[in-house]
Amino acid sequence: MKKIATGLAAAGLLVSGAALADRDDWPRDMTVGTASQGGVYFVYGGGMASFLTEELGVNVSGEVTGGPVQNVTLVQTGEHDIGLVTLGPAFEAWTGQSELAPGLEHKDIRALFPMYETPFHGITLRSSGITSVSDLDGRRVAVGPAGGTPGTYWPRILNALGIEATISYAGAADSAGQLQDGLVDAFVFAAGLPTAAFSQLAAEADVITFGFTPEEHEQVLEAFPEVAAFTIPAGTYSVQEEDQASVAMWNYAIAHQDMPESLAYEITKTVLENNERMMQIHAAAAATVVENWDNNSFLPFHPGAVRYYEEIGIEIPEDLRG
């Protein structure tokens, strides 16, 4: 930690009072792929876009998408400049197994910085009688938008647990509305904490949130090596009195390898050196810190990001240098 802090101080001396790096090859406008309204990506990405606009003088805008699966492909094809992704869908795209673009290896994507963990959890009306994931058997379940992390992984999780449910795909806000209207029996999702749609439901309806039982938890961790054990702390939502067992994937911001090195450097530096400002956008950004860079095990970092990390004393392994 001391090495990182010392490096940060040195980097600050180097750039203090100096103009930003050469912008000749910078775009005038950039787009950040987020996800559906009501989820954390939408809030985090839109707020980050506004912050980058203020700090870098480039017009950056957040755009609603289907989530990580779509965002990876939008960056790979150059349609979006920055994408917010979870590492599970990113790895599938990297190896040509994306459901959106099967057979296309997304080898042009590069990591910029870590965002936060995405835990998997659910919410239901108290009157439903549902208290665990296994209780979803035979029920109608909203899983978020198709192409997003929850829409991709929740059906797989249910299948791995031997649970047969009727799946509904919709954005977070729409899924919450379906639950309130009785169109579905539960809404399971994956997003940073607290998830806006869950918080709103907790304020407006008699609901409970739920995670995994010990048996379910063990099965999911064994079936999906791309997730890690996670605990959703008591009090995350007004209706949650106890810790809940969950699993989570890490989220990263990515860019195309052709993004100008100086731009990738400034984006990474701006976000990672202004954590308080990022937390004003969303509490999940508490994890958007330099120390979490190493939660990425396969995706090469953009050369601009590598330059920033090495300036502050972090040595990026050769296999993670883009």
Protein backbone atom coordinates (compact mmCIF):
# COMPACT_ATOMS: atom_id res chain seq x y z
CA MET A 1 0.00 0.00 0.00
CA LYS A 2 2.88 2.39 0.86
CA LYS A 3 4.36 1.83 -2.59
CA ILE A 4 1.04 2.74 -4.22
CA ALA A 5 0.62 5.86 -2.07
CA THR A 6 4.16 7.02 -2.79
CA GLY A 7 3.63 6.47 -6.49
CA LEU A 8 0.40 8.48 -6.40
CA ALA A 9 2.17 11.40 -4.77
CA ALA A 10 4.97 11.29 -7.34
CA ALA A 11 2.51 11.11 -10.21
CA GLY A 12 0.67 14.12 -8.78
CA LEU A 13 3.90 16.15 -8.80
CA LEU A 14 4.54 15.21 -12.40
CA VAL A 15 1.18 16.41 -13.69
CA SER A 16 0.45 19.29 -11.30
CA GLY A 17 -0.22 22.48 -13.25
CA ALA A 18 0.45 20.75 -16.55
CA ALA A 19 -1.98 20.50 -19.44
CA LEU A 20 -3.56 17.18 -20.28
CA ALA A 21 -1.71 14.91 -22.68
CA ASP A 22 -1.78 15.61 -26.39
CA ARG A 23 -5.41 15.42 -27.55
CA ASP A 24 -4.89 15.53 -31.31
CA ASP A 25 -6.19 11.98 -31.76
CA TRP A 26 -8.95 12.19 -29.14
CA PRO A 27 -12.56 11.87 -30.31
CA ARG A 28 -14.88 14.83 -29.74
CA ASP A 29 -17.66 12.59 -28.42
CA MET A 30 -17.66 9.27 -26.57
CA THR A 31 -20.35 6.80 -25.54
CA VAL A 32 -20.42 4.63 -22.41
CA GLY A 33 -22.49 1.44 -22.67
CA THR A 34 -24.41 0.95 -19.40
CA ALA A 35 -27.54 -1.24 -18.94
CA SER A 36 -31.26 -0.88 -18.23
CA GLN A 37 -32.76 1.88 -16.10
CA GLY A 38 -33.17 0.88 -12.46
CA GLY A 39 -29.82 -0.94 -12.31
CA VAL A 40 -26.46 0.25 -10.99
CA TYR A 41 -24.75 0.30 -14.41
CA PHE A 42 -27.24 2.92 -15.59
CA VAL A 43 -26.51 5.19 -12.61
CA TYR A 44 -22.77 4.50 -12.41
CA GLY A 45 -22.17 4.81 -16.16
CA GLY A 46 -24.27 7.92 -16.64
CA GLY A 47 -22.68 9.65 -13.67
CA MET A 48 -19.19 8.66 -14.75
CA ALA A 49 -19.89 9.99 -18.24
CA SER A 50 -20.87 13.38 -16.80
CA PHE A 51 -17.78 13.41 -14.57
CA LEU A 52 -15.45 12.61 -17.47
CA THR A 53 -17.09 15.34 -19.53
CA GLU A 54 -16.35 17.84 -16.75
CA GLU A 55 -12.77 16.72 -16.20
CA LEU A 56 -11.56 15.90 -19.72
CA GLY A 57 -13.51 18.35 -21.86
CA VAL A 58 -14.85 15.60 -24.12
CA ASN A 59 -18.59 15.11 -24.58
CA VAL A 60 -19.19 11.72 -22.92
CA SER A 61 -22.69 10.25 -22.70
CA GLY A 62 -24.11 7.12 -21.11
CA GLU A 63 -26.36 4.92 -23.25
CA VAL A 64 -28.97 2.38 -22.15
CA THR A 65 -28.09 -1.13 -23.38
CA GLY A 66 -28.92 -4.73 -22.62
CA GLY A 67 -25.92 -4.87 -20.26
CA PRO A 68 -22.48 -6.53 -20.23
CA VAL A 69 -23.01 -9.12 -22.97
CA GLN A 70 -24.04 -6.40 -25.40
CA ASN A 71 -21.50 -3.88 -24.08
CA VAL A 72 -18.56 -6.18 -24.83
CA THR A 73 -19.62 -6.53 -28.46
CA LEU A 74 -20.37 -2.80 -28.83
CA VAL A 75 -16.80 -2.03 -27.75
CA GLN A 76 -15.30 -4.82 -29.86
CA THR A 77 -17.04 -3.48 -32.98
CA GLY A 78 -16.15 0.14 -32.18
CA GLU A 79 -19.76 1.28 -31.77
CA HIS A 80 -19.12 2.32 -28.14
CA ASP A 81 -15.94 3.82 -26.69
CA ILE A 82 -16.30 2.50 -23.13
CA GLY A 83 -18.29 -0.49 -21.92
CA LEU A 84 -19.20 -1.60 -18.41
CA VAL A 85 -18.87 -5.38 -18.16
CA THR A 86 -18.76 -8.25 -15.71
CA LEU A 87 -15.85 -10.62 -16.18
CA GLY A 88 -18.01 -13.70 -16.81
CA PRO A 89 -19.63 -12.38 -20.01
CA ALA A 90 -16.34 -10.67 -20.94
CA PHE A 91 -14.46 -13.99 -20.76
CA GLU A 92 -17.09 -15.74 -22.87
CA ALA A 93 -16.83 -12.98 -25.50
CA TRP A 94 -13.01 -13.05 -25.35
CA THR A 95 -13.06 -16.77 -26.17
CA GLY A 96 -15.73 -16.53 -28.88
CA GLN A 97 -18.58 -17.93 -26.81
CA SER A 98 -20.75 -14.82 -26.50
CA GLU A 99 -24.45 -15.55 -26.93
CA LEU A 100 -24.75 -12.29 -28.87
CA ALA A 101 -21.88 -12.95 -31.30
CA PRO A 102 -21.07 -16.68 -31.18
CA GLY A 103 -17.78 -17.60 -32.82
CA LEU A 104 -16.39 -14.04 -32.73
CA GLU A 105 -13.38 -13.81 -30.44
CA HIS A 106 -13.47 -10.33 -28.90
CA LYS A 107 -9.69 -9.90 -28.87
CA ASP A 108 -9.73 -6.09 -29.31
CA ILE A 109 -11.20 -5.26 -25.89
CA ARG A 110 -8.93 -3.94 -23.15
CA ALA A 111 -9.44 -3.34 -19.42
CA LEU A 112 -9.24 0.17 -17.98
CA PHE A 113 -10.12 -0.06 -14.27
CA PRO A 114 -12.01 -2.19 -11.71
CA MET A 115 -15.51 -1.02 -10.76
CA TYR A 116 -17.10 -3.19 -8.07
CA GLU A 117 -18.52 -6.63 -7.40
CA THR A 118 -21.92 -7.68 -8.78
CA PRO A 119 -23.77 -9.87 -6.26
CA PHE A 120 -26.68 -12.11 -7.27
CA HIS A 121 -29.81 -11.82 -5.12
CA GLY A 122 -33.59 -11.70 -5.32
CA ILE A 123 -36.67 -9.86 -4.12
CA THR A 124 -40.29 -10.93 -3.82
CA LEU A 125 -43.57 -9.89 -2.23
CA ARG A 126 -43.75 -11.13 1.35
CA SER A 127 -47.10 -12.74 0.52
CA SER A 128 -45.48 -15.03 -2.09
CA GLY A 129 -44.06 -17.41 0.50
CA ILE A 130 -40.70 -17.41 -1.32
CA THR A 131 -37.71 -17.27 1.04
CA SER A 132 -34.91 -18.91 -0.97
CA VAL A 133 -33.82 -19.58 -4.53
CA SER A 134 -35.17 -23.15 -4.39
CA ASP A 135 -38.65 -21.74 -3.76
CA LEU A 136 -38.59 -20.36 -7.32
CA ASP A 137 -39.33 -23.82 -8.71
CA GLY A 138 -42.53 -23.65 -10.75
CA ARG A 139 -42.79 -19.86 -10.35
CA ARG A 140 -42.68 -16.91 -12.76
CA VAL A 141 -39.34 -15.17 -12.36
CA ALA A 142 -38.00 -11.92 -13.82
CA VAL A 143 -34.22 -12.06 -14.43
CA GLY A 144 -33.43 -8.66 -15.93
CA PRO A 145 -32.81 -7.92 -19.61
CA ALA A 146 -31.63 -10.57 -22.06
CA GLY A 147 -27.95 -10.04 -22.73
CA GLY A 148 -27.20 -8.65 -19.29
CA THR A 149 -25.29 -10.47 -16.56
CA PRO A 150 -28.40 -11.49 -14.57
CA GLY A 151 -30.36 -12.36 -17.72
CA THR A 152 -27.50 -14.59 -18.84
CA TYR A 153 -26.50 -16.22 -15.56
CA TRP A 154 -29.69 -16.55 -13.53
CA PRO A 155 -31.25 -19.08 -15.94
CA ARG A 156 -27.99 -21.05 -15.78
CA ILE A 157 -27.95 -20.89 -11.97
CA LEU A 158 -31.55 -22.07 -11.75
CA ASN A 159 -30.77 -24.91 -14.15
CA ALA A 160 -27.69 -25.92 -12.14
CA LEU A 161 -29.88 -26.07 -9.02
CA GLY A 162 -32.50 -28.16 -10.80
CA ILE A 163 -35.09 -25.39 -10.59
CA GLU A 164 -37.67 -25.08 -13.35
CA ALA A 165 -39.17 -21.60 -13.58
CA THR A 166 -40.94 -19.50 -16.20
CA ILE A 167 -38.40 -16.81 -17.12
CA SER A 168 -39.30 -13.21 -17.94
CA TYR A 169 -36.70 -10.89 -19.51
CA ALA A 170 -37.05 -7.14 -18.90
CA GLY A 171 -35.07 -4.18 -17.63
CA ALA A 172 -34.68 -3.65 -13.89
CA ALA A 173 -37.37 -0.98 -13.61
CA ASP A 174 -39.82 -2.99 -15.72
CA SER A 175 -39.08 -6.18 -13.77
CA ALA A 176 -39.80 -4.35 -10.51
CA GLY A 177 -43.10 -3.14 -11.99
CA GLN A 178 -44.00 -6.69 -13.05
CA LEU A 179 -43.43 -7.89 -9.48
CA GLN A 180 -45.63 -5.15 -8.02
CA ASP A 181 -48.35 -5.87 -10.57
CA GLY A 182 -48.33 -9.59 -9.85
CA LEU A 183 -47.11 -10.54 -13.32
CA VAL A 184 -44.13 -12.39 -11.85
CA ASP A 185 -43.61 -14.07 -8.48
CA ALA A 186 -40.03 -12.93 -7.93
CA PHE A 187 -37.37 -10.68 -9.41
CA VAL A 188 -33.77 -11.96 -9.29
CA PHE A 189 -30.96 -9.69 -10.38
CA ALA A 190 -27.23 -9.00 -10.28
CA ALA A 191 -25.96 -5.47 -9.73
CA GLY A 192 -23.89 -3.35 -7.38
CA LEU A 193 -25.31 -2.61 -3.96
CA PRO A 194 -27.75 -1.20 -3.23
CA THR A 195 -29.70 -1.95 -6.42
CA ALA A 196 -31.97 1.03 -7.10
CA ALA A 197 -34.93 -1.08 -8.25
CA PHE A 198 -34.76 -3.19 -5.06
CA SER A 199 -34.52 -0.10 -2.85
CA GLN A 200 -37.56 1.41 -4.53
CA LEU A 201 -39.55 -1.80 -4.12
CA ALA A 202 -38.60 -1.92 -0.44
CA ALA A 203 -39.95 1.61 -0.04
CA GLU A 204 -43.17 1.06 -1.96
CA ALA A 205 -44.29 -2.54 -1.28
CA ASP A 206 -44.28 -5.25 1.38
CA VAL A 207 -41.30 -7.24 0.10
CA ILE A 208 -38.40 -9.36 1.30
CA THR A 209 -34.99 -9.90 -0.27
CA PHE A 210 -33.31 -13.31 -0.39
CA GLY A 211 -30.00 -14.93 -1.22
CA PHE A 212 -28.82 -18.55 -1.24
CA THR A 213 -29.16 -21.26 1.39
CA PRO A 214 -25.86 -22.91 2.44
CA GLU A 215 -26.63 -25.89 0.18
CA GLU A 216 -27.52 -23.68 -2.81
CA HIS A 217 -24.45 -21.55 -2.19
CA GLU A 218 -22.11 -24.54 -2.28
CA GLN A 219 -23.67 -25.87 -5.48
CA VAL A 220 -23.43 -22.54 -7.29
CA LEU A 221 -19.80 -21.95 -6.31
CA GLU A 222 -18.91 -25.42 -7.56
CA ALA A 223 -20.80 -25.04 -10.85
CA PHE A 224 -19.55 -21.54 -11.72
CA PRO A 225 -15.82 -20.94 -11.12
CA GLU A 226 -16.17 -17.39 -12.53
CA VAL A 227 -18.06 -16.28 -9.41
CA ALA A 228 -16.83 -15.83 -5.85
CA ALA A 229 -18.53 -16.06 -2.46
CA PHE A 230 -20.04 -12.78 -1.30
CA THR A 231 -22.13 -11.59 1.64
CA ILE A 232 -24.85 -8.96 1.24
CA PRO A 233 -24.64 -7.06 4.54
CA ALA A 234 -27.68 -6.70 6.78
CA GLY A 235 -29.33 -3.33 6.26
CA THR A 236 -28.43 -3.08 2.58
CA TYR A 237 -32.20 -2.67 2.10
CA SER A 238 -34.69 -1.42 4.67
CA VAL A 239 -36.38 -4.85 4.74
CA GLN A 240 -33.16 -6.85 5.18
CA GLU A 241 -32.39 -7.58 8.83
CA GLU A 242 -29.66 -10.22 8.41
CA ASP A 243 -26.63 -10.94 6.23
CA GLN A 244 -27.47 -12.94 3.12
CA ALA A 245 -25.22 -15.41 1.31
CA SER A 246 -24.58 -14.53 -2.32
CA VAL A 247 -22.08 -14.96 -5.13
CA ALA A 248 -20.54 -12.14 -7.13
CA MET A 249 -18.59 -11.27 -10.27
CA TRP A 250 -16.22 -8.34 -10.65
CA ASN A 251 -17.07 -5.50 -13.03
CA TYR A 252 -14.53 -3.62 -15.13
CA ALA A 253 -14.67 -0.69 -17.51
CA ILE A 254 -13.26 -1.64 -20.91
CA ALA A 255 -12.26 0.13 -24.11
CA HIS A 256 -11.14 -0.86 -27.61
CA GLN A 257 -7.41 -1.39 -28.06
CA ASP A 258 -7.44 1.46 -30.62
CA MET A 259 -8.46 4.08 -28.04
CA PRO A 260 -5.64 6.66 -27.94
CA GLU A 261 -3.19 5.76 -25.21
CA SER A 262 -3.27 9.24 -23.68
CA LEU A 263 -7.07 9.14 -23.47
CA ALA A 264 -7.15 5.71 -21.80
CA TYR A 265 -4.52 6.99 -19.36
CA GLU A 266 -6.53 10.09 -18.45
CA ILE A 267 -9.81 8.16 -18.07
CA THR A 268 -8.19 5.60 -15.76
CA LYS A 269 -6.37 8.26 -13.74
CA THR A 270 -9.42 10.50 -13.42
CA VAL A 271 -11.69 7.74 -12.14
CA LEU A 272 -9.22 6.07 -9.78
CA GLU A 273 -7.93 9.29 -8.23
CA ASN A 274 -11.38 10.69 -7.46
CA ASN A 275 -13.06 7.97 -5.42
CA GLU A 276 -15.12 10.37 -3.29
CA ARG A 277 -16.56 11.90 -6.45
CA MET A 278 -17.31 8.45 -7.86
CA MET A 279 -19.05 7.45 -4.63
CA GLN A 280 -21.29 10.49 -4.98
CA ILE A 281 -22.48 8.84 -8.19
CA HIS A 282 -23.14 5.47 -6.54
CA ALA A 283 -22.09 3.82 -3.27
CA ALA A 284 -20.86 0.75 -5.18
CA ALA A 285 -17.92 2.87 -6.35
CA ALA A 286 -16.37 2.35 -2.90
CA ALA A 287 -14.66 -0.60 -4.62
CA THR A 288 -13.47 1.49 -7.60
CA VAL A 289 -9.97 1.80 -6.21
CA VAL A 290 -6.48 1.04 -7.45
CA GLU A 291 -5.98 -1.85 -5.02
CA ASN A 292 -8.65 -3.90 -6.82
CA TRP A 293 -6.87 -3.90 -10.19
CA ASP A 294 -5.79 -7.53 -9.72
CA ASN A 295 -9.31 -9.01 -9.66
CA ASN A 296 -8.92 -9.29 -13.44
CA SER A 297 -7.24 -12.59 -14.33
CA PHE A 298 -7.38 -12.72 -18.14
CA LEU A 299 -8.19 -9.44 -19.92
CA PRO A 300 -5.17 -7.36 -20.99
CA PHE A 301 -5.14 -3.79 -19.72
CA HIS A 302 -5.03 -0.98 -22.26
CA PRO A 303 -1.50 0.44 -22.66
CA GLY A 304 -2.77 3.78 -21.36
CA ALA A 305 -4.08 2.12 -18.22
CA VAL A 306 -0.82 0.17 -17.84
CA ARG A 307 1.10 3.45 -17.97
CA TYR A 308 -1.00 4.88 -15.14
CA TYR A 309 -0.68 1.79 -12.93
CA GLU A 310 3.07 1.64 -13.41
CA GLU A 311 3.44 5.35 -12.64
CA ILE A 312 1.99 4.70 -9.19
CA GLY A 313 4.15 1.65 -8.52
CA ILE A 314 2.01 -1.27 -9.73
CA GLU A 315 3.72 -3.77 -12.01
CA ILE A 316 1.23 -5.28 -14.45
CA PRO A 317 2.11 -8.91 -15.37
CA GLU A 318 3.23 -9.46 -18.94
CA ASP A 319 0.15 -11.55 -19.80
CA LEU A 320 -2.13 -8.65 -18.75
CA ARG A 321 -0.40 -5.96 -20.79
CA GLY A 322 -2.35 -4.97 -23.91
